[in-house]
Amino acid sequence: MPTLTVSGTISFPIAAESTPPSRSFSFTLNYTKKVTKDLELTGAQVDVDLLDGIADAKAVYVECLVGSGTLEANAATAGSDVTAGNGFYAWFNPDGGLTTFTVTTGADATFRYYIFS
């Protein structure tokens, strides 16, 4: 069975003059389905489905290559806009639970995303 592994370290800066505390993290998922896609949207689009037939996603990673968009997970705004060259969106839960995942744009945009179940 294919495996997705995500690991790294997050630093939490407290003040500019102090050494930030850090926390290591790791996530491993044996998955049965995956979607990897570059999605090009023309003009304003509302609630474009990103799950592509996956009914219960357990891990997602989205980055914006061109433009910007607002992500919604399970009908709630997932966070601030994802903008080209400015961050990404990642979500992991081995128990699943992501049943709807959409993007809304105000103009042309391109997203690269990976979804696992």
PDB file of N, CA and C in Angstrom:
ATOM      1  N   MET A   1       0.856  -1.172   0.000  1.00  0.00           N
ATOM      2  CA  MET A   1       0.000   0.000   0.000  1.00  0.00           C
ATOM      3  C   MET A   1       0.906   1.241   0.000  1.00  0.00           C
ATOM      4  N   PRO A   2       0.627   2.242  -0.850  1.00  0.00           N
ATOM      5  CA  PRO A   2       1.454   3.450  -0.874  1.00  0.00           C
ATOM      6  C   PRO A   2       1.337   4.243   0.428  1.00  0.00           C
ATOM      7  N   THR A   3       2.417   4.945   0.763  1.00  0.00           N
ATOM      8  CA  THR A   3       2.471   5.693   2.020  1.00  0.00           C
ATOM      9  C   THR A   3       2.850   7.143   1.768  1.00  0.00           C
ATOM     10  N   LEU A   4       2.120   8.045   2.418  1.00  0.00           N
ATOM     11  CA  LEU A   4       2.441   9.464   2.449  1.00  0.00           C
ATOM     12  C   LEU A   4       3.099   9.746   3.792  1.00  0.00           C
ATOM     13  N   THR A   5       4.265  10.410   3.782  1.00  0.00           N
ATOM     14  CA  THR A   5       4.936  10.805   5.012  1.00  0.00           C
ATOM     15  C   THR A   5       5.250  12.291   4.948  1.00  0.00           C
ATOM     16  N   VAL A   6       4.850  13.013   5.989  1.00  0.00           N
ATOM     17  CA  VAL A   6       5.138  14.438   6.117  1.00  0.00           C
ATOM     18  C   VAL A   6       5.839  14.607   7.457  1.00  0.00           C
ATOM     19  N   SER A   7       6.993  15.285   7.452  1.00  0.00           N
ATOM     20  CA  SER A   7       7.681  15.516   8.716  1.00  0.00           C
ATOM     21  C   SER A   7       8.463  16.817   8.635  1.00  0.00           C
ATOM     22  N   GLY A   8       8.729  17.392   9.784  1.00  0.00           N
ATOM     23  CA  GLY A   8       9.474  18.641   9.819  1.00  0.00           C
ATOM     24  C   GLY A   8       9.518  19.211  11.215  1.00  0.00           C
ATOM     25  N   THR A   9       9.878  20.485  11.300  1.00  0.00           N
ATOM     26  CA  THR A   9       9.960  21.192  12.564  1.00  0.00           C
ATOM     27  C   THR A   9       9.282  22.541  12.418  1.00  0.00           C
ATOM     28  N   ILE A  10       8.503  22.905  13.415  1.00  0.00           N
ATOM     29  CA  ILE A  10       7.857  24.212  13.459  1.00  0.00           C
ATOM     30  C   ILE A  10       8.511  25.013  14.578  1.00  0.00           C
ATOM     31  N   SER A  11       8.905  26.255  14.284  1.00  0.00           N
ATOM     32  CA  SER A  11       9.466  27.132  15.311  1.00  0.00           C
ATOM     33  C   SER A  11       8.438  28.185  15.691  1.00  0.00           C
ATOM     34  N   PHE A  12       8.354  28.476  16.962  1.00  0.00           N
ATOM     35  CA  PHE A  12       7.403  29.445  17.476  1.00  0.00           C
ATOM     36  C   PHE A  12       8.163  30.634  18.047  1.00  0.00           C
ATOM     37  N   PRO A  13       8.417  31.688  17.277  1.00  0.00           N
ATOM     38  CA  PRO A  13       9.161  32.827  17.814  1.00  0.00           C
ATOM     39  C   PRO A  13       8.356  33.562  18.884  1.00  0.00           C
ATOM     40  N   ILE A  14       9.026  33.842  20.001  1.00  0.00           N
ATOM     41  CA  ILE A  14       8.376  34.569  21.091  1.00  0.00           C
ATOM     42  C   ILE A  14       8.754  36.042  21.028  1.00  0.00           C
ATOM     43  N   ALA A  15      10.020  36.310  20.797  1.00  0.00           N
ATOM     44  CA  ALA A  15      10.513  37.682  20.671  1.00  0.00           C
ATOM     45  C   ALA A  15      11.753  37.644  19.788  1.00  0.00           C
ATOM     46  N   ALA A  16      12.059  38.750  19.162  1.00  0.00           N
ATOM     47  CA  ALA A  16      13.172  38.808  18.217  1.00  0.00           C
ATOM     48  C   ALA A  16      14.502  38.448  18.864  1.00  0.00           C
ATOM     49  N   GLU A  17      14.672  38.732  20.153  1.00  0.00           N
ATOM     50  CA  GLU A  17      15.956  38.496  20.798  1.00  0.00           C
ATOM     51  C   GLU A  17      16.092  37.112  21.425  1.00  0.00           C
ATOM     52  N   SER A  18      15.064  36.285  21.385  1.00  0.00           N
ATOM     53  CA  SER A  18      15.128  34.971  22.025  1.00  0.00           C
ATOM     54  C   SER A  18      15.177  33.855  20.988  1.00  0.00           C
ATOM     55  N   THR A  19      15.648  32.715  21.423  1.00  0.00           N
ATOM     56  CA  THR A  19      15.659  31.539  20.568  1.00  0.00           C
ATOM     57  C   THR A  19      14.258  30.936  20.584  1.00  0.00           C
ATOM     58  N   PRO A  20      13.644  30.778  19.417  1.00  0.00           N
ATOM     59  CA  PRO A  20      12.265  30.277  19.422  1.00  0.00           C
ATOM     60  C   PRO A  20      12.193  28.796  19.808  1.00  0.00           C
ATOM     61  N   PRO A  21      11.202  28.437  20.595  1.00  0.00           N
ATOM     62  CA  PRO A  21      10.996  27.017  20.862  1.00  0.00           C
ATOM     63  C   PRO A  21      10.544  26.338  19.578  1.00  0.00           C
ATOM     64  N   SER A  22      10.785  25.055  19.471  1.00  0.00           N
ATOM     65  CA  SER A  22      10.376  24.340  18.265  1.00  0.00           C
ATOM     66  C   SER A  22       9.706  23.033  18.645  1.00  0.00           C
ATOM     67  N   ARG A  23       9.004  22.494  17.685  1.00  0.00           N
ATOM     68  CA  ARG A  23       8.294  21.230  17.883  1.00  0.00           C
ATOM     69  C   ARG A  23       8.427  20.421  16.613  1.00  0.00           C
ATOM     70  N   SER A  24       8.908  19.202  16.753  1.00  0.00           N
ATOM     71  CA  SER A  24       8.985  18.295  15.610  1.00  0.00           C
ATOM     72  C   SER A  24       7.615  17.681  15.381  1.00  0.00           C
ATOM     73  N   PHE A  25       7.307  17.387  14.130  1.00  0.00           N
ATOM     74  CA  PHE A  25       6.045  16.721  13.836  1.00  0.00           C
ATOM     75  C   PHE A  25       6.274  15.698  12.727  1.00  0.00           C
ATOM     76  N   SER A  26       5.398  14.715  12.706  1.00  0.00           N
ATOM     77  CA  SER A  26       5.462  13.688  11.668  1.00  0.00           C
ATOM     78  C   SER A  26       4.067  13.126  11.465  1.00  0.00           C
ATOM     79  N   PHE A  27       3.755  12.821  10.235  1.00  0.00           N
ATOM     80  CA  PHE A  27       2.455  12.260   9.875  1.00  0.00           C
ATOM     81  C   PHE A  27       2.703  11.189   8.821  1.00  0.00           C
ATOM     82  N   THR A  28       2.183  10.004   9.036  1.00  0.00           N
ATOM     83  CA  THR A  28       2.306   8.919   8.070  1.00  0.00           C
ATOM     84  C   THR A  28       0.922   8.374   7.784  1.00  0.00           C
ATOM     85  N   LEU A  29       0.630   8.185   6.520  1.00  0.00           N
ATOM     86  CA  LEU A  29      -0.690   7.718   6.108  1.00  0.00           C
ATOM     87  C   LEU A  29      -0.540   6.678   5.008  1.00  0.00           C
ATOM     88  N   ASN A  30      -1.096   5.496   5.216  1.00  0.00           N
ATOM     89  CA  ASN A  30      -1.238   4.529   4.137  1.00  0.00           C
ATOM     90  C   ASN A  30      -2.521   4.894   3.408  1.00  0.00           C
ATOM     91  N   TYR A  31      -2.400   5.257   2.151  1.00  0.00           N
ATOM     92  CA  TYR A  31      -3.566   5.735   1.427  1.00  0.00           C
ATOM     93  C   TYR A  31      -3.957   4.765   0.306  1.00  0.00           C
ATOM     94  N   THR A  32      -5.237   4.844  -0.064  1.00  0.00           N
ATOM     95  CA  THR A  32      -5.753   4.001  -1.138  1.00  0.00           C
ATOM     96  C   THR A  32      -6.089   4.808  -2.385  1.00  0.00           C
ATOM     97  N   LYS A  33      -6.354   6.102  -2.220  1.00  0.00           N
ATOM     98  CA  LYS A  33      -6.657   6.985  -3.355  1.00  0.00           C
ATOM     99  C   LYS A  33      -5.860   8.264  -3.215  1.00  0.00           C
ATOM    100  N   LYS A  34      -5.502   8.847  -4.364  1.00  0.00           N
ATOM    101  CA  LYS A  34      -4.871  10.161  -4.332  1.00  0.00           C
ATOM    102  C   LYS A  34      -5.265  10.938  -5.580  1.00  0.00           C
ATOM    103  N   VAL A  35      -5.272  12.241  -5.435  1.00  0.00           N
ATOM    104  CA  VAL A  35      -5.486  13.160  -6.548  1.00  0.00           C
ATOM    105  C   VAL A  35      -4.304  14.116  -6.532  1.00  0.00           C
ATOM    106  N   THR A  36      -3.620  14.240  -7.646  1.00  0.00           N
ATOM    107  CA  THR A  36      -2.572  15.252  -7.800  1.00  0.00           C
ATOM    108  C   THR A  36      -2.924  16.018  -9.063  1.00  0.00           C
ATOM    109  N   LYS A  37      -3.024  17.328  -8.930  1.00  0.00           N
ATOM    110  CA  LYS A  37      -3.568  18.083 -10.056  1.00  0.00           C
ATOM    111  C   LYS A  37      -3.094  19.525 -10.056  1.00  0.00           C
ATOM    112  N   ASP A  38      -2.908  20.068 -11.244  1.00  0.00           N
ATOM    113  CA  ASP A  38      -2.781  21.506 -11.443  1.00  0.00           C
ATOM    114  C   ASP A  38      -4.111  21.963 -12.032  1.00  0.00           C
ATOM    115  N   LEU A  39      -4.783  22.857 -11.345  1.00  0.00           N
ATOM    116  CA  LEU A  39      -6.108  23.319 -11.753  1.00  0.00           C
ATOM    117  C   LEU A  39      -6.022  24.773 -12.190  1.00  0.00           C
ATOM    118  N   GLU A  40      -6.343  25.044 -13.455  1.00  0.00           N
ATOM    119  CA  GLU A  40      -6.357  26.406 -13.978  1.00  0.00           C
ATOM    120  C   GLU A  40      -7.805  26.881 -14.062  1.00  0.00           C
ATOM    121  N   LEU A  41      -8.092  27.991 -13.394  1.00  0.00           N
ATOM    122  CA  LEU A  41      -9.433  28.563 -13.412  1.00  0.00           C
ATOM    123  C   LEU A  41      -9.398  29.895 -14.151  1.00  0.00           C
ATOM    124  N   THR A  42     -10.384  30.122 -15.002  1.00  0.00           N
ATOM    125  CA  THR A  42     -10.473  31.359 -15.773  1.00  0.00           C
ATOM    126  C   THR A  42     -11.591  32.221 -15.216  1.00  0.00           C
ATOM    127  N   GLY A  43     -11.248  33.449 -14.837  1.00  0.00           N
ATOM    128  CA  GLY A  43     -12.252  34.360 -14.302  1.00  0.00           C
ATOM    129  C   GLY A  43     -12.690  33.965 -12.907  1.00  0.00           C
ATOM    130  N   ALA A  44     -13.656  34.682 -12.383  1.00  0.00           N
ATOM    131  CA  ALA A  44     -14.188  34.403 -11.049  1.00  0.00           C
ATOM    132  C   ALA A  44     -14.923  33.064 -11.056  1.00  0.00           C
ATOM    133  N   GLN A  45     -14.658  32.250 -10.046  1.00  0.00           N
ATOM    134  CA  GLN A  45     -15.295  30.939  -9.888  1.00  0.00           C
ATOM    135  C   GLN A  45     -15.734  30.796  -8.439  1.00  0.00           C
ATOM    136  N   VAL A  46     -16.854  30.107  -8.221  1.00  0.00           N
ATOM    137  CA  VAL A  46     -17.387  29.935  -6.872  1.00  0.00           C
ATOM    138  C   VAL A  46     -17.488  28.447  -6.543  1.00  0.00           C
ATOM    139  N   ASP A  47     -16.935  28.055  -5.402  1.00  0.00           N
ATOM    140  CA  ASP A  47     -17.046  26.702  -4.858  1.00  0.00           C
ATOM    141  C   ASP A  47     -16.680  25.610  -5.863  1.00  0.00           C
ATOM    142  N   VAL A  48     -15.495  25.704  -6.443  1.00  0.00           N
ATOM    143  CA  VAL A  48     -14.992  24.665  -7.358  1.00  0.00           C
ATOM    144  C   VAL A  48     -14.506  23.491  -6.516  1.00  0.00           C
ATOM    145  N   ASP A  49     -15.043  22.297  -6.769  1.00  0.00           N
ATOM    146  CA  ASP A  49     -14.710  21.092  -6.006  1.00  0.00           C
ATOM    147  C   ASP A  49     -13.257  20.685  -6.256  1.00  0.00           C
ATOM    148  N   LEU A  50     -12.524  20.430  -5.177  1.00  0.00           N
ATOM    149  CA  LEU A  50     -11.141  19.980  -5.291  1.00  0.00           C
ATOM    150  C   LEU A  50     -10.974  18.501  -4.960  1.00  0.00           C
ATOM    151  N   LEU A  51     -11.992  17.855  -4.414  1.00  0.00           N
ATOM    152  CA  LEU A  51     -11.845  16.464  -3.980  1.00  0.00           C
ATOM    153  C   LEU A  51     -11.842  15.454  -5.129  1.00  0.00           C
ATOM    154  N   ASP A  52     -12.356  15.819  -6.271  1.00  0.00           N
ATOM    155  CA  ASP A  52     -12.328  14.941  -7.454  1.00  0.00           C
ATOM    156  C   ASP A  52     -12.757  13.507  -7.158  1.00  0.00           C
ATOM    157  N   GLY A  53     -13.869  13.355  -6.443  1.00  0.00           N
ATOM    158  CA  GLY A  53     -14.417  12.022  -6.209  1.00  0.00           C
ATOM    159  C   GLY A  53     -13.956  11.346  -4.929  1.00  0.00           C
ATOM    160  N   ILE A  54     -13.029  11.930  -4.191  1.00  0.00           N
ATOM    161  CA  ILE A  54     -12.629  11.357  -2.902  1.00  0.00           C
ATOM    162  C   ILE A  54     -13.685  11.750  -1.880  1.00  0.00           C
ATOM    163  N   ALA A  55     -14.277  10.750  -1.224  1.00  0.00           N
ATOM    164  CA  ALA A  55     -15.410  10.998  -0.335  1.00  0.00           C
ATOM    165  C   ALA A  55     -14.995  11.383   1.086  1.00  0.00           C
ATOM    166  N   ASP A  56     -13.811  10.972   1.527  1.00  0.00           N
ATOM    167  CA  ASP A  56     -13.390  11.204   2.914  1.00  0.00           C
ATOM    168  C   ASP A  56     -11.873  11.402   2.928  1.00  0.00           C
ATOM    169  N   ALA A  57     -11.434  12.614   2.620  1.00  0.00           N
ATOM    170  CA  ALA A  57     -10.003  12.890   2.528  1.00  0.00           C
ATOM    171  C   ALA A  57      -9.349  12.868   3.905  1.00  0.00           C
ATOM    172  N   LYS A  58      -8.089  12.397   3.939  1.00  0.00           N
ATOM    173  CA  LYS A  58      -7.322  12.328   5.178  1.00  0.00           C
ATOM    174  C   LYS A  58      -6.119  13.268   5.173  1.00  0.00           C
ATOM    175  N   ALA A  59      -5.731  13.742   3.990  1.00  0.00           N
ATOM    176  CA  ALA A  59      -4.607  14.678   3.900  1.00  0.00           C
ATOM    177  C   ALA A  59      -4.759  15.518   2.643  1.00  0.00           C
ATOM    178  N   VAL A  60      -4.484  16.821   2.757  1.00  0.00           N
ATOM    179  CA  VAL A  60      -4.506  17.705   1.589  1.00  0.00           C
ATOM    180  C   VAL A  60      -3.346  18.691   1.691  1.00  0.00           C
ATOM    181  N   TYR A  61      -2.851  19.074   0.540  1.00  0.00           N
ATOM    182  CA  TYR A  61      -1.839  20.128   0.427  1.00  0.00           C
ATOM    183  C   TYR A  61      -2.211  20.949  -0.798  1.00  0.00           C
ATOM    184  N   VAL A  62      -2.312  22.268  -0.636  1.00  0.00           N
ATOM    185  CA  VAL A  62      -2.686  23.157  -1.742  1.00  0.00           C
ATOM    186  C   VAL A  62      -1.730  24.336  -1.770  1.00  0.00           C
ATOM    187  N   GLU A  63      -1.221  24.640  -2.959  1.00  0.00           N
ATOM    188  CA  GLU A  63      -0.467  25.872  -3.148  1.00  0.00           C
ATOM    189  C   GLU A  63      -1.029  26.591  -4.359  1.00  0.00           C
ATOM    190  N   CYS A  64      -0.954  27.898  -4.330  1.00  0.00           N
ATOM    191  CA  CYS A  64      -1.446  28.718  -5.425  1.00  0.00           C
ATOM    192  C   CYS A  64      -0.258  29.119  -6.289  1.00  0.00           C
ATOM    193  N   LEU A  65      -0.353  28.862  -7.592  1.00  0.00           N
ATOM    194  CA  LEU A  65       0.721  29.188  -8.524  1.00  0.00           C
ATOM    195  C   LEU A  65       0.500  30.534  -9.199  1.00  0.00           C
ATOM    196  N   VAL A  66      -0.764  30.875  -9.443  1.00  0.00           N
ATOM    197  CA  VAL A  66      -1.129  32.135 -10.102  1.00  0.00           C
ATOM    198  C   VAL A  66      -2.393  32.665  -9.432  1.00  0.00           C
ATOM    199  N   GLY A  67      -2.435  33.968  -9.140  1.00  0.00           N
ATOM    200  CA  GLY A  67      -3.647  34.571  -8.585  1.00  0.00           C
ATOM    201  C   GLY A  67      -3.823  34.271  -7.114  1.00  0.00           C
ATOM    202  N   SER A  68      -5.085  34.062  -6.718  1.00  0.00           N
ATOM    203  CA  SER A  68      -5.403  33.755  -5.323  1.00  0.00           C
ATOM    204  C   SER A  68      -6.777  33.112  -5.253  1.00  0.00           C
ATOM    205  N   GLY A  69      -7.085  32.542  -4.085  1.00  0.00           N
ATOM    206  CA  GLY A  69      -8.395  31.939  -3.879  1.00  0.00           C
ATOM    207  C   GLY A  69      -8.644  31.704  -2.409  1.00  0.00           C
ATOM    208  N   THR A  70      -9.901  31.507  -2.067  1.00  0.00           N
ATOM    209  CA  THR A  70     -10.305  31.200  -0.701  1.00  0.00           C
ATOM    210  C   THR A  70     -10.744  29.747  -0.643  1.00  0.00           C
ATOM    211  N   LEU A  71     -10.146  28.993   0.270  1.00  0.00           N
ATOM    212  CA  LEU A  71     -10.467  27.575   0.424  1.00  0.00           C
ATOM    213  C   LEU A  71     -11.548  27.390   1.479  1.00  0.00           C
ATOM    214  N   GLU A  72     -12.454  26.439   1.240  1.00  0.00           N
ATOM    215  CA  GLU A  72     -13.462  26.064   2.224  1.00  0.00           C
ATOM    216  C   GLU A  72     -13.404  24.561   2.434  1.00  0.00           C
ATOM    217  N   ALA A  73     -13.313  24.161   3.697  1.00  0.00           N
ATOM    218  CA  ALA A  73     -13.289  22.754   4.077  1.00  0.00           C
ATOM    219  C   ALA A  73     -14.544  22.447   4.870  1.00  0.00           C
ATOM    220  N   ASN A  74     -15.298  21.456   4.446  1.00  0.00           N
ATOM    221  CA  ASN A  74     -16.546  21.078   5.115  1.00  0.00           C
ATOM    222  C   ASN A  74     -17.453  22.296   5.310  1.00  0.00           C
ATOM    223  N   ALA A  75     -17.567  23.115   4.268  1.00  0.00           N
ATOM    224  CA  ALA A  75     -18.450  24.282   4.203  1.00  0.00           C
ATOM    225  C   ALA A  75     -18.066  25.401   5.168  1.00  0.00           C
ATOM    226  N   ALA A  76     -16.820  25.410   5.648  1.00  0.00           N
ATOM    227  CA  ALA A  76     -16.335  26.504   6.497  1.00  0.00           C
ATOM    228  C   ALA A  76     -15.029  27.025   5.906  1.00  0.00           C
ATOM    229  N   THR A  77     -14.824  28.326   5.948  1.00  0.00           N
ATOM    230  CA  THR A  77     -13.595  28.897   5.404  1.00  0.00           C
ATOM    231  C   THR A  77     -12.401  28.273   6.105  1.00  0.00           C
ATOM    232  N   ALA A  78     -11.488  27.718   5.313  1.00  0.00           N
ATOM    233  CA  ALA A  78     -10.348  26.991   5.862  1.00  0.00           C
ATOM    234  C   ALA A  78      -9.260  27.915   6.374  1.00  0.00           C
ATOM    235  N   GLY A  79      -9.240  29.131   5.964  1.00  0.00           N
ATOM    236  CA  GLY A  79      -8.208  30.065   6.386  1.00  0.00           C
ATOM    237  C   GLY A  79      -8.233  31.273   5.478  1.00  0.00           C
ATOM    238  N   SER A  80      -7.210  32.070   5.569  1.00  0.00           N
ATOM    239  CA  SER A  80      -7.142  33.244   4.704  1.00  0.00           C
ATOM    240  C   SER A  80      -6.901  32.797   3.268  1.00  0.00           C
ATOM    241  N   ASP A  81      -6.945  33.753   2.374  1.00  0.00           N
ATOM    242  CA  ASP A  81      -6.711  33.436   0.968  1.00  0.00           C
ATOM    243  C   ASP A  81      -5.354  32.772   0.779  1.00  0.00           C
ATOM    244  N   VAL A  82      -5.300  31.846  -0.158  1.00  0.00           N
ATOM    245  CA  VAL A  82      -4.046  31.268  -0.604  1.00  0.00           C
ATOM    246  C   VAL A  82      -3.642  32.080  -1.825  1.00  0.00           C
ATOM    247  N   THR A  83      -2.466  32.688  -1.774  1.00  0.00           N
ATOM    248  CA  THR A  83      -2.021  33.594  -2.817  1.00  0.00           C
ATOM    249  C   THR A  83      -0.735  33.083  -3.439  1.00  0.00           C
ATOM    250  N   ALA A  84      -0.564  33.275  -4.725  1.00  0.00           N
ATOM    251  CA  ALA A  84       0.642  32.827  -5.422  1.00  0.00           C
ATOM    252  C   ALA A  84       1.889  33.353  -4.731  1.00  0.00           C
ATOM    253  N   GLY A  85       2.817  32.449  -4.449  1.00  0.00           N
ATOM    254  CA  GLY A  85       4.077  32.820  -3.837  1.00  0.00           C
ATOM    255  C   GLY A  85       3.999  33.185  -2.372  1.00  0.00           C
ATOM    256  N   ASN A  86       2.836  32.963  -1.733  1.00  0.00           N
ATOM    257  CA  ASN A  86       2.667  33.402  -0.355  1.00  0.00           C
ATOM    258  C   ASN A  86       1.980  32.324   0.471  1.00  0.00           C
ATOM    259  N   GLY A  87       2.682  31.278   0.806  1.00  0.00           N
ATOM    260  CA  GLY A  87       2.155  30.248   1.685  1.00  0.00           C
ATOM    261  C   GLY A  87       1.454  29.115   0.975  1.00  0.00           C
ATOM    262  N   PHE A  88       0.852  28.264   1.791  1.00  0.00           N
ATOM    263  CA  PHE A  88       0.172  27.064   1.313  1.00  0.00           C
ATOM    264  C   PHE A  88      -0.863  26.671   2.354  1.00  0.00           C
ATOM    265  N   TYR A  89      -1.673  25.670   2.029  1.00  0.00           N
ATOM    266  CA  TYR A  89      -2.645  25.131   2.968  1.00  0.00           C
ATOM    267  C   TYR A  89      -2.379  23.638   3.083  1.00  0.00           C
ATOM    268  N   ALA A  90      -2.267  23.140   4.307  1.00  0.00           N
ATOM    269  CA  ALA A  90      -2.070  21.713   4.535  1.00  0.00           C
ATOM    270  C   ALA A  90      -2.981  21.269   5.668  1.00  0.00           C
ATOM    271  N   TRP A  91      -3.532  20.071   5.535  1.00  0.00           N
ATOM    272  CA  TRP A  91      -4.411  19.507   6.561  1.00  0.00           C
ATOM    273  C   TRP A  91      -4.182  18.004   6.582  1.00  0.00           C
ATOM    274  N   PHE A  92      -4.040  17.428   7.789  1.00  0.00           N
ATOM    275  CA  PHE A  92      -3.801  16.003   7.933  1.00  0.00           C
ATOM    276  C   PHE A  92      -4.620  15.465   9.101  1.00  0.00           C
ATOM    277  N   ASN A  93      -5.313  14.344   8.891  1.00  0.00           N
ATOM    278  CA  ASN A  93      -6.030  13.662   9.965  1.00  0.00           C
ATOM    279  C   ASN A  93      -6.178  12.205   9.536  1.00  0.00           C
ATOM    280  N   PRO A  94      -5.492  11.261  10.198  1.00  0.00           N
ATOM    281  CA  PRO A  94      -5.563   9.863   9.779  1.00  0.00           C
ATOM    282  C   PRO A  94      -6.960   9.256   9.893  1.00  0.00           C
ATOM    283  N   ASP A  95      -7.845   9.918  10.655  1.00  0.00           N
ATOM    284  CA  ASP A  95      -9.222   9.442  10.766  1.00  0.00           C
ATOM    285  C   ASP A  95     -10.116  10.003   9.665  1.00  0.00           C
ATOM    286  N   GLY A  96      -9.568  10.867   8.818  1.00  0.00           N
ATOM    287  CA  GLY A  96     -10.355  11.451   7.736  1.00  0.00           C
ATOM    288  C   GLY A  96     -11.249  12.561   8.242  1.00  0.00           C
ATOM    289  N   GLY A  97     -12.345  12.764   7.534  1.00  0.00           N
ATOM    290  CA  GLY A  97     -13.310  13.766   7.958  1.00  0.00           C
ATOM    291  C   GLY A  97     -13.479  14.937   7.011  1.00  0.00           C
ATOM    292  N   LEU A  98     -12.629  15.025   5.996  1.00  0.00           N
ATOM    293  CA  LEU A  98     -12.783  16.117   5.031  1.00  0.00           C
ATOM    294  C   LEU A  98     -13.686  15.618   3.903  1.00  0.00           C
ATOM    295  N   THR A  99     -14.928  16.082   3.901  1.00  0.00           N
ATOM    296  CA  THR A  99     -15.916  15.571   2.943  1.00  0.00           C
ATOM    297  C   THR A  99     -16.274  16.563   1.851  1.00  0.00           C
ATOM    298  N   THR A 100     -16.015  17.855   2.079  1.00  0.00           N
ATOM    299  CA  THR A 100     -16.151  18.857   1.019  1.00  0.00           C
ATOM    300  C   THR A 100     -14.942  19.773   1.100  1.00  0.00           C
ATOM    301  N   PHE A 101     -14.405  20.137  -0.072  1.00  0.00           N
ATOM    302  CA  PHE A 101     -13.230  20.996  -0.128  1.00  0.00           C
ATOM    303  C   PHE A 101     -13.293  21.767  -1.433  1.00  0.00           C
ATOM    304  N   THR A 102     -13.469  23.096  -1.333  1.00  0.00           N
ATOM    305  CA  THR A 102     -13.686  23.912  -2.522  1.00  0.00           C
ATOM    306  C   THR A 102     -12.786  25.148  -2.508  1.00  0.00           C
ATOM    307  N   VAL A 103     -12.681  25.774  -3.678  1.00  0.00           N
ATOM    308  CA  VAL A 103     -11.958  27.037  -3.796  1.00  0.00           C
ATOM    309  C   VAL A 103     -12.847  28.033  -4.537  1.00  0.00           C
ATOM    310  N   THR A 104     -12.779  29.300  -4.113  1.00  0.00           N
ATOM    311  CA  THR A 104     -13.484  30.396  -4.769  1.00  0.00           C
ATOM    312  C   THR A 104     -12.450  31.438  -5.170  1.00  0.00           C
ATOM    313  N   THR A 105     -12.555  31.930  -6.410  1.00  0.00           N
ATOM    314  CA  THR A 105     -11.594  32.911  -6.913  1.00  0.00           C
ATOM    315  C   THR A 105     -12.327  34.152  -7.417  1.00  0.00           C
ATOM    316  N   GLY A 106     -11.598  35.267  -7.468  1.00  0.00           N
ATOM    317  CA  GLY A 106     -12.158  36.498  -8.007  1.00  0.00           C
ATOM    318  C   GLY A 106     -11.666  36.805  -9.405  1.00  0.00           C
ATOM    319  N   ALA A 107     -10.665  36.053  -9.871  1.00  0.00           N
ATOM    320  CA  ALA A 107     -10.065  36.260 -11.190  1.00  0.00           C
ATOM    321  C   ALA A 107      -9.320  34.984 -11.576  1.00  0.00           C
ATOM    322  N   ASP A 108      -8.596  35.018 -12.693  1.00  0.00           N
ATOM    323  CA  ASP A 108      -7.827  33.849 -13.125  1.00  0.00           C
ATOM    324  C   ASP A 108      -6.908  33.377 -11.999  1.00  0.00           C
ATOM    325  N   ALA A 109      -6.808  32.047 -11.831  1.00  0.00           N
ATOM    326  CA  ALA A 109      -5.943  31.477 -10.796  1.00  0.00           C
ATOM    327  C   ALA A 109      -5.560  30.052 -11.172  1.00  0.00           C
ATOM    328  N   THR A 110      -4.416  29.620 -10.676  1.00  0.00           N
ATOM    329  CA  THR A 110      -3.954  28.245 -10.872  1.00  0.00           C
ATOM    330  C   THR A 110      -3.512  27.690  -9.529  1.00  0.00           C
ATOM    331  N   PHE A 111      -3.968  26.473  -9.222  1.00  0.00           N
ATOM    332  CA  PHE A 111      -3.642  25.817  -7.963  1.00  0.00           C
ATOM    333  C   PHE A 111      -3.026  24.453  -8.245  1.00  0.00           C
ATOM    334  N   ARG A 112      -2.047  24.086  -7.447  1.00  0.00           N
ATOM    335  CA  ARG A 112      -1.501  22.724  -7.460  1.00  0.00           C
ATOM    336  C   ARG A 112      -1.932  22.088  -6.155  1.00  0.00           C
ATOM    337  N   TYR A 113      -2.555  20.908  -6.245  1.00  0.00           N
ATOM    338  CA  TYR A 113      -2.991  20.282  -5.010  1.00  0.00           C
ATOM    339  C   TYR A 113      -2.814  18.781  -5.045  1.00  0.00           C
ATOM    340  N   TYR A 114      -2.701  18.228  -3.824  1.00  0.00           N
ATOM    341  CA  TYR A 114      -2.531  16.798  -3.580  1.00  0.00           C
ATOM    342  C   TYR A 114      -3.544  16.432  -2.510  1.00  0.00           C
ATOM    343  N   ILE A 115      -4.340  15.401  -2.777  1.00  0.00           N
ATOM    344  CA  ILE A 115      -5.361  14.964  -1.808  1.00  0.00           C
ATOM    345  C   ILE A 115      -5.253  13.453  -1.671  1.00  0.00           C
ATOM    346  N   PHE A 116      -5.300  12.973  -0.426  1.00  0.00           N
ATOM    347  CA  PHE A 116      -5.111  11.553  -0.139  1.00  0.00           C
ATOM    348  C   PHE A 116      -6.248  11.034   0.723  1.00  0.00           C
ATOM    349  N   SER A 117      -6.621   9.776   0.490  1.00  0.00           N
ATOM    350  CA  SER A 117      -7.665   9.123   1.289  1.00  0.00           C
ATOM    351  C   SER A 117      -7.239   7.710   1.588  1.00  0.00           C
TER     352      SER A 117
END
